[in-house]
Amino acid sequence: MDVRNCKGCGRLFNYMGGAPLCQACQRALEDKFQEVKAYLDRKPNATIAEVSEEVDVSTKQIKHWIREERLSLVNAGADGITCETCGAPICTGRFCDKCKKSMMDTFSGTLGKPKVQEAPKKRDGKDRMRFL
């Protein structure tokens, strides 16, 4: 059993994995996420700064939700969310579509190629084990 302090409130709790937050802080964070999502449904062209100010959530947390693909921006690159590989402006996630496709092709090429097996060699009888 792993006991840790909650990063949100400082109380001790049984850590099961994921974010180091107690259940009360996780619920509060999920409630804030739902508020942000509802605000963006009402005003889809709002910037991260506007959402942060109106809903009282840090811009860092909003960007974290965008990187996790839980939220999506309407205008790519308006708020500084860029691809981690090439730096192109994106709406959600960590990578642009071009880099995602490139990574998929690389992984598919690596994992998808079957290994060629050599045909068994014919034995001519000279390489057998001999007994005396």
N, C-alpha and C. Protein backbone atom coordinates (compact mmCIF):
# COMPACT_ATOMS: atom_id res chain seq x y z
N MET A 1 0.84 -1.17 0.00
CA MET A 1 0.00 0.00 0.00
C MET A 1 0.89 1.24 0.00
N ASP A 2 0.59 2.17 -0.89
CA ASP A 2 1.38 3.38 -1.04
C ASP A 2 0.57 4.56 -0.50
N VAL A 3 1.06 5.20 0.54
CA VAL A 3 0.39 6.35 1.14
C VAL A 3 1.17 7.60 0.76
N ARG A 4 0.45 8.59 0.21
CA ARG A 4 1.09 9.84 -0.22
C ARG A 4 0.28 11.04 0.26
N ASN A 5 0.91 12.20 0.14
CA ASN A 5 0.21 13.45 0.39
C ASN A 5 -0.41 13.94 -0.91
N CYS A 6 -1.63 14.43 -0.82
CA CYS A 6 -2.33 14.97 -1.99
C CYS A 6 -1.66 16.26 -2.43
N LYS A 7 -1.43 16.39 -3.73
CA LYS A 7 -0.82 17.63 -4.25
C LYS A 7 -1.77 18.81 -4.16
N GLY A 8 -3.07 18.54 -4.09
CA GLY A 8 -4.05 19.62 -4.03
C GLY A 8 -4.27 20.17 -2.63
N CYS A 9 -4.53 19.26 -1.68
CA CYS A 9 -4.90 19.72 -0.33
C CYS A 9 -3.89 19.33 0.75
N GLY A 10 -2.98 18.40 0.44
CA GLY A 10 -1.95 18.02 1.40
C GLY A 10 -2.33 16.87 2.32
N ARG A 11 -3.58 16.36 2.24
CA ARG A 11 -4.00 15.25 3.09
C ARG A 11 -3.36 13.95 2.65
N LEU A 12 -3.24 13.00 3.57
CA LEU A 12 -2.73 11.67 3.25
C LEU A 12 -3.84 10.86 2.58
N PHE A 13 -3.47 10.03 1.61
CA PHE A 13 -4.44 9.16 0.95
C PHE A 13 -3.71 7.95 0.39
N ASN A 14 -4.46 6.90 0.11
CA ASN A 14 -3.91 5.69 -0.51
C ASN A 14 -3.76 5.94 -2.00
N TYR A 15 -2.54 5.94 -2.46
CA TYR A 15 -2.24 6.20 -3.87
C TYR A 15 -2.41 4.92 -4.67
N MET A 16 -3.24 4.97 -5.71
CA MET A 16 -3.50 3.79 -6.54
C MET A 16 -2.91 3.94 -7.94
N GLY A 17 -2.37 5.10 -8.27
CA GLY A 17 -1.82 5.35 -9.60
C GLY A 17 -2.47 6.59 -10.20
N GLY A 18 -1.88 7.08 -11.27
CA GLY A 18 -2.41 8.27 -11.92
C GLY A 18 -1.92 9.54 -11.24
N ALA A 19 -2.77 10.55 -11.25
CA ALA A 19 -2.43 11.83 -10.65
C ALA A 19 -2.36 11.68 -9.13
N PRO A 20 -1.38 12.32 -8.48
CA PRO A 20 -1.25 12.20 -7.02
C PRO A 20 -2.24 13.11 -6.29
N LEU A 21 -3.54 12.85 -6.50
CA LEU A 21 -4.60 13.64 -5.87
C LEU A 21 -5.55 12.71 -5.12
N CYS A 22 -6.07 13.19 -4.00
CA CYS A 22 -7.06 12.42 -3.26
C CYS A 22 -8.38 12.44 -4.05
N GLN A 23 -9.33 11.62 -3.63
CA GLN A 23 -10.59 11.51 -4.37
C GLN A 23 -11.36 12.82 -4.37
N ALA A 24 -11.33 13.56 -3.27
CA ALA A 24 -12.04 14.84 -3.20
C ALA A 24 -11.46 15.84 -4.19
N CYS A 25 -10.13 15.91 -4.28
CA CYS A 25 -9.49 16.83 -5.22
C CYS A 25 -9.70 16.39 -6.66
N GLN A 26 -9.71 15.08 -6.90
CA GLN A 26 -9.98 14.57 -8.26
C GLN A 26 -11.39 14.94 -8.69
N ARG A 27 -12.37 14.80 -7.77
CA ARG A 27 -13.75 15.18 -8.08
C ARG A 27 -13.84 16.68 -8.38
N ALA A 28 -13.17 17.49 -7.57
CA ALA A 28 -13.19 18.95 -7.77
C ALA A 28 -12.56 19.31 -9.12
N LEU A 29 -11.47 18.63 -9.47
CA LEU A 29 -10.81 18.89 -10.75
C LEU A 29 -11.71 18.47 -11.92
N GLU A 30 -12.40 17.36 -11.77
CA GLU A 30 -13.32 16.91 -12.83
C GLU A 30 -14.49 17.87 -12.97
N ASP A 31 -14.97 18.42 -11.85
CA ASP A 31 -16.04 19.42 -11.90
C ASP A 31 -15.57 20.67 -12.65
N LYS A 32 -14.33 21.10 -12.38
CA LYS A 32 -13.77 22.25 -13.09
C LYS A 32 -13.66 21.96 -14.59
N PHE A 33 -13.25 20.72 -14.93
CA PHE A 33 -13.16 20.33 -16.34
C PHE A 33 -14.53 20.45 -17.01
N GLN A 34 -15.57 19.99 -16.33
CA GLN A 34 -16.92 20.07 -16.90
C GLN A 34 -17.35 21.53 -17.08
N GLU A 35 -16.96 22.40 -16.16
CA GLU A 35 -17.26 23.83 -16.30
C GLU A 35 -16.54 24.41 -17.52
N VAL A 36 -15.27 24.07 -17.69
CA VAL A 36 -14.50 24.55 -18.84
C VAL A 36 -15.12 24.05 -20.13
N LYS A 37 -15.50 22.78 -20.16
CA LYS A 37 -16.10 22.20 -21.35
C LYS A 37 -17.42 22.89 -21.69
N ALA A 38 -18.24 23.15 -20.67
CA ALA A 38 -19.52 23.84 -20.89
C ALA A 38 -19.28 25.27 -21.39
N TYR A 39 -18.29 25.94 -20.84
CA TYR A 39 -17.97 27.31 -21.29
C TYR A 39 -17.53 27.30 -22.75
N LEU A 40 -16.70 26.33 -23.12
CA LEU A 40 -16.25 26.25 -24.51
C LEU A 40 -17.37 25.84 -25.46
N ASP A 41 -18.37 25.12 -24.96
CA ASP A 41 -19.54 24.81 -25.79
C ASP A 41 -20.35 26.06 -26.06
N ARG A 42 -20.44 26.95 -25.06
CA ARG A 42 -21.17 28.21 -25.22
C ARG A 42 -20.39 29.20 -26.09
N LYS A 43 -19.06 29.27 -25.88
CA LYS A 43 -18.21 30.22 -26.60
C LYS A 43 -17.03 29.46 -27.21
N PRO A 44 -17.23 28.84 -28.36
CA PRO A 44 -16.17 27.99 -28.94
C PRO A 44 -14.92 28.75 -29.39
N ASN A 45 -15.03 30.04 -29.66
CA ASN A 45 -13.87 30.82 -30.12
C ASN A 45 -13.09 31.48 -28.99
N ALA A 46 -13.40 31.14 -27.75
CA ALA A 46 -12.72 31.74 -26.60
C ALA A 46 -11.27 31.27 -26.54
N THR A 47 -10.40 32.17 -26.09
CA THR A 47 -8.98 31.80 -25.93
C THR A 47 -8.78 31.14 -24.57
N ILE A 48 -7.61 30.55 -24.40
CA ILE A 48 -7.30 29.90 -23.13
C ILE A 48 -7.31 30.91 -21.99
N ALA A 49 -6.81 32.12 -22.24
CA ALA A 49 -6.77 33.15 -21.21
C ALA A 49 -8.19 33.55 -20.78
N GLU A 50 -9.10 33.68 -21.74
CA GLU A 50 -10.49 34.04 -21.41
C GLU A 50 -11.15 32.94 -20.58
N VAL A 51 -10.95 31.70 -20.99
CA VAL A 51 -11.54 30.57 -20.27
C VAL A 51 -10.97 30.50 -18.85
N SER A 52 -9.67 30.69 -18.73
CA SER A 52 -9.01 30.64 -17.43
C SER A 52 -9.58 31.70 -16.49
N GLU A 53 -9.79 32.89 -17.03
CA GLU A 53 -10.30 33.99 -16.21
C GLU A 53 -11.76 33.77 -15.81
N GLU A 54 -12.58 33.32 -16.75
CA GLU A 54 -14.00 33.15 -16.49
C GLU A 54 -14.31 31.98 -15.56
N VAL A 55 -13.60 30.88 -15.71
CA VAL A 55 -13.92 29.66 -14.97
C VAL A 55 -13.02 29.49 -13.75
N ASP A 56 -11.99 30.31 -13.63
CA ASP A 56 -11.05 30.25 -12.52
C ASP A 56 -10.28 28.92 -12.48
N VAL A 57 -9.67 28.61 -13.63
CA VAL A 57 -8.80 27.44 -13.78
C VAL A 57 -7.50 27.96 -14.37
N SER A 58 -6.38 27.40 -13.95
CA SER A 58 -5.09 27.87 -14.47
C SER A 58 -4.94 27.52 -15.95
N THR A 59 -4.22 28.38 -16.67
CA THR A 59 -3.97 28.11 -18.08
C THR A 59 -3.15 26.84 -18.25
N LYS A 60 -2.29 26.55 -17.29
CA LYS A 60 -1.48 25.33 -17.34
C LYS A 60 -2.39 24.10 -17.33
N GLN A 61 -3.42 24.10 -16.49
CA GLN A 61 -4.35 22.97 -16.41
C GLN A 61 -5.14 22.83 -17.71
N ILE A 62 -5.57 23.94 -18.28
CA ILE A 62 -6.32 23.89 -19.53
C ILE A 62 -5.44 23.34 -20.64
N LYS A 63 -4.18 23.79 -20.71
CA LYS A 63 -3.26 23.26 -21.72
C LYS A 63 -3.01 21.77 -21.50
N HIS A 64 -2.97 21.34 -20.23
CA HIS A 64 -2.80 19.91 -19.92
C HIS A 64 -3.98 19.10 -20.48
N TRP A 65 -5.20 19.61 -20.32
CA TRP A 65 -6.38 18.92 -20.85
C TRP A 65 -6.35 18.91 -22.38
N ILE A 66 -5.84 19.96 -22.99
CA ILE A 66 -5.73 19.99 -24.45
C ILE A 66 -4.71 18.96 -24.92
N ARG A 67 -3.57 18.87 -24.24
CA ARG A 67 -2.54 17.89 -24.59
C ARG A 67 -3.05 16.45 -24.42
N GLU A 68 -3.93 16.24 -23.43
CA GLU A 68 -4.51 14.92 -23.21
C GLU A 68 -5.62 14.61 -24.22
N GLU A 69 -5.97 15.55 -25.06
CA GLU A 69 -7.04 15.46 -26.06
C GLU A 69 -8.41 15.38 -25.42
N ARG A 70 -8.56 15.94 -24.23
CA ARG A 70 -9.87 16.03 -23.60
C ARG A 70 -10.59 17.29 -24.06
N LEU A 71 -9.83 18.31 -24.45
CA LEU A 71 -10.38 19.54 -24.99
C LEU A 71 -9.77 19.80 -26.36
N SER A 72 -10.49 20.57 -27.17
CA SER A 72 -9.98 20.90 -28.49
C SER A 72 -10.24 22.38 -28.76
N LEU A 73 -9.27 23.05 -29.36
CA LEU A 73 -9.41 24.45 -29.72
C LEU A 73 -10.01 24.56 -31.12
N VAL A 74 -10.72 25.66 -31.37
CA VAL A 74 -11.28 25.89 -32.70
C VAL A 74 -10.21 26.42 -33.63
N ASN A 75 -9.39 27.37 -33.14
CA ASN A 75 -8.35 27.98 -33.96
C ASN A 75 -6.99 27.40 -33.58
N ALA A 76 -6.37 26.71 -34.50
CA ALA A 76 -5.06 26.09 -34.23
C ALA A 76 -3.99 27.16 -34.05
N GLY A 77 -3.21 27.04 -33.01
CA GLY A 77 -2.07 27.91 -32.78
C GLY A 77 -2.38 29.27 -32.21
N ALA A 78 -3.65 29.59 -31.98
CA ALA A 78 -3.99 30.90 -31.45
C ALA A 78 -3.46 31.08 -30.02
N ASP A 79 -3.35 30.00 -29.29
CA ASP A 79 -2.93 30.08 -27.89
C ASP A 79 -1.58 29.44 -27.63
N GLY A 80 -0.80 29.22 -28.66
CA GLY A 80 0.54 28.71 -28.46
C GLY A 80 0.64 27.20 -28.30
N ILE A 81 -0.41 26.46 -28.67
CA ILE A 81 -0.35 25.00 -28.61
C ILE A 81 0.26 24.54 -29.94
N THR A 82 1.46 23.96 -29.85
CA THR A 82 2.16 23.55 -31.07
C THR A 82 2.58 22.09 -30.98
N CYS A 83 2.88 21.52 -32.13
CA CYS A 83 3.35 20.14 -32.24
C CYS A 83 4.70 20.03 -31.54
N GLU A 84 4.88 18.97 -30.75
CA GLU A 84 6.13 18.78 -30.02
C GLU A 84 7.29 18.38 -30.93
N THR A 85 6.97 17.90 -32.12
CA THR A 85 8.02 17.47 -33.04
C THR A 85 8.46 18.59 -33.98
N CYS A 86 7.49 19.16 -34.72
CA CYS A 86 7.86 20.14 -35.75
C CYS A 86 7.51 21.57 -35.40
N GLY A 87 6.68 21.79 -34.37
CA GLY A 87 6.34 23.15 -33.96
C GLY A 87 5.16 23.75 -34.70
N ALA A 88 4.46 22.97 -35.51
CA ALA A 88 3.29 23.48 -36.24
C ALA A 88 2.13 23.71 -35.27
N PRO A 89 1.30 24.73 -35.51
CA PRO A 89 0.15 24.97 -34.63
C PRO A 89 -0.87 23.83 -34.73
N ILE A 90 -1.41 23.41 -33.57
CA ILE A 90 -2.39 22.32 -33.53
C ILE A 90 -3.57 22.71 -32.66
N CYS A 91 -4.68 21.98 -32.78
CA CYS A 91 -5.88 22.25 -31.99
C CYS A 91 -5.96 21.39 -30.74
N THR A 92 -5.43 20.20 -30.79
CA THR A 92 -5.50 19.29 -29.66
C THR A 92 -4.39 18.25 -29.74
N GLY A 93 -4.06 17.64 -28.63
CA GLY A 93 -3.05 16.59 -28.61
C GLY A 93 -1.64 17.13 -28.48
N ARG A 94 -0.67 16.29 -28.84
CA ARG A 94 0.74 16.66 -28.72
C ARG A 94 1.42 16.80 -30.07
N PHE A 95 0.85 16.17 -31.11
CA PHE A 95 1.50 16.16 -32.41
C PHE A 95 0.51 16.56 -33.50
N CYS A 96 1.04 17.14 -34.58
CA CYS A 96 0.21 17.51 -35.73
C CYS A 96 -0.12 16.23 -36.52
N ASP A 97 -1.07 16.34 -37.45
CA ASP A 97 -1.49 15.18 -38.23
C ASP A 97 -0.34 14.62 -39.07
N LYS A 98 0.49 15.49 -39.62
CA LYS A 98 1.62 15.05 -40.44
C LYS A 98 2.61 14.22 -39.61
N CYS A 99 2.93 14.68 -38.41
CA CYS A 99 3.87 13.94 -37.55
C CYS A 99 3.26 12.65 -37.04
N LYS A 100 1.94 12.66 -36.75
CA LYS A 100 1.27 11.44 -36.33
C LYS A 100 1.35 10.38 -37.43
N LYS A 101 1.09 10.82 -38.67
CA LYS A 101 1.15 9.89 -39.80
C LYS A 101 2.56 9.35 -39.98
N SER A 102 3.54 10.22 -39.85
CA SER A 102 4.94 9.79 -39.99
C SER A 102 5.30 8.77 -38.91
N MET A 103 4.87 9.01 -37.67
CA MET A 103 5.15 8.06 -36.59
C MET A 103 4.45 6.73 -36.83
N MET A 104 3.20 6.79 -37.29
CA MET A 104 2.47 5.55 -37.57
C MET A 104 3.14 4.74 -38.67
N ASP A 105 3.61 5.44 -39.71
CA ASP A 105 4.31 4.75 -40.79
C ASP A 105 5.59 4.10 -40.29
N THR A 106 6.30 4.82 -39.43
CA THR A 106 7.55 4.28 -38.88
C THR A 106 7.27 3.04 -38.03
N PHE A 107 6.26 3.13 -37.15
CA PHE A 107 5.94 1.99 -36.30
C PHE A 107 5.41 0.83 -37.12
N SER A 108 4.57 1.12 -38.10
CA SER A 108 4.02 0.06 -38.94
C SER A 108 5.14 -0.63 -39.72
N GLY A 109 6.09 0.16 -40.21
CA GLY A 109 7.20 -0.41 -40.96
C GLY A 109 8.08 -1.28 -40.09
N THR A 110 8.23 -0.88 -38.84
CA THR A 110 9.08 -1.64 -37.93
C THR A 110 8.41 -2.93 -37.48
N LEU A 111 7.14 -2.83 -37.11
CA LEU A 111 6.44 -3.98 -36.56
C LEU A 111 5.78 -4.85 -37.62
N GLY A 112 5.43 -4.25 -38.75
CA GLY A 112 4.64 -4.96 -39.74
C GLY A 112 5.41 -5.87 -40.68
N LYS A 113 6.70 -5.71 -40.82
CA LYS A 113 7.45 -6.52 -41.76
C LYS A 113 7.71 -7.90 -41.20
N PRO A 114 7.24 -8.93 -41.88
CA PRO A 114 7.54 -10.28 -41.39
C PRO A 114 9.00 -10.62 -41.68
N LYS A 115 9.57 -11.37 -40.77
CA LYS A 115 10.96 -11.75 -40.95
C LYS A 115 11.03 -12.91 -41.94
N VAL A 116 11.94 -12.79 -42.86
CA VAL A 116 12.11 -13.81 -43.87
C VAL A 116 12.91 -14.96 -43.29
N GLN A 117 12.35 -16.16 -43.37
CA GLN A 117 13.06 -17.32 -42.87
C GLN A 117 13.72 -18.03 -44.04
N GLU A 118 14.93 -18.45 -43.79
CA GLU A 118 15.66 -19.16 -44.82
C GLU A 118 15.10 -20.56 -44.95
N ALA A 119 15.12 -21.06 -46.17
CA ALA A 119 14.65 -22.42 -46.42
C ALA A 119 15.64 -23.39 -45.75
N PRO A 120 15.15 -24.50 -45.21
CA PRO A 120 16.06 -25.46 -44.59
C PRO A 120 17.05 -26.01 -45.61
N LYS A 121 18.28 -26.14 -45.19
CA LYS A 121 19.34 -26.63 -46.09
C LYS A 121 19.22 -28.14 -46.23
N LYS A 122 19.52 -28.60 -47.40
CA LYS A 122 19.52 -30.04 -47.63
C LYS A 122 20.81 -30.61 -47.05
N ARG A 123 20.66 -31.71 -46.40
CA ARG A 123 21.83 -32.34 -45.81
C ARG A 123 22.39 -33.37 -46.78
N ASP A 124 23.66 -33.32 -46.87
CA ASP A 124 24.30 -34.28 -47.78
C ASP A 124 24.86 -35.47 -47.03
N GLY A 125 24.66 -35.50 -45.74
CA GLY A 125 25.11 -36.64 -44.96
C GLY A 125 26.49 -36.47 -44.36
N LYS A 126 27.20 -35.45 -44.72
CA LYS A 126 28.56 -35.26 -44.20
C LYS A 126 28.57 -34.59 -42.83
N ASP A 127 27.50 -33.89 -42.48
CA ASP A 127 27.51 -33.15 -41.23
C ASP A 127 26.76 -33.89 -40.12
N ARG A 128 26.64 -35.21 -40.25
CA ARG A 128 25.97 -36.00 -39.22
C ARG A 128 26.92 -36.36 -38.10
N MET A 129 26.34 -36.73 -36.96
CA MET A 129 27.15 -37.18 -35.84
C MET A 129 27.56 -38.63 -36.09
N ARG A 130 28.81 -38.91 -35.79
CA ARG A 130 29.32 -40.26 -36.03
C ARG A 130 29.56 -40.96 -34.70
N PHE A 131 29.30 -42.24 -34.68
CA PHE A 131 29.56 -43.06 -33.50
C PHE A 131 30.63 -44.08 -33.82
N LEU A 132 31.44 -44.39 -32.84
CA LEU A 132 32.47 -45.41 -33.03
C LEU A 132 32.01 -46.76 -32.56
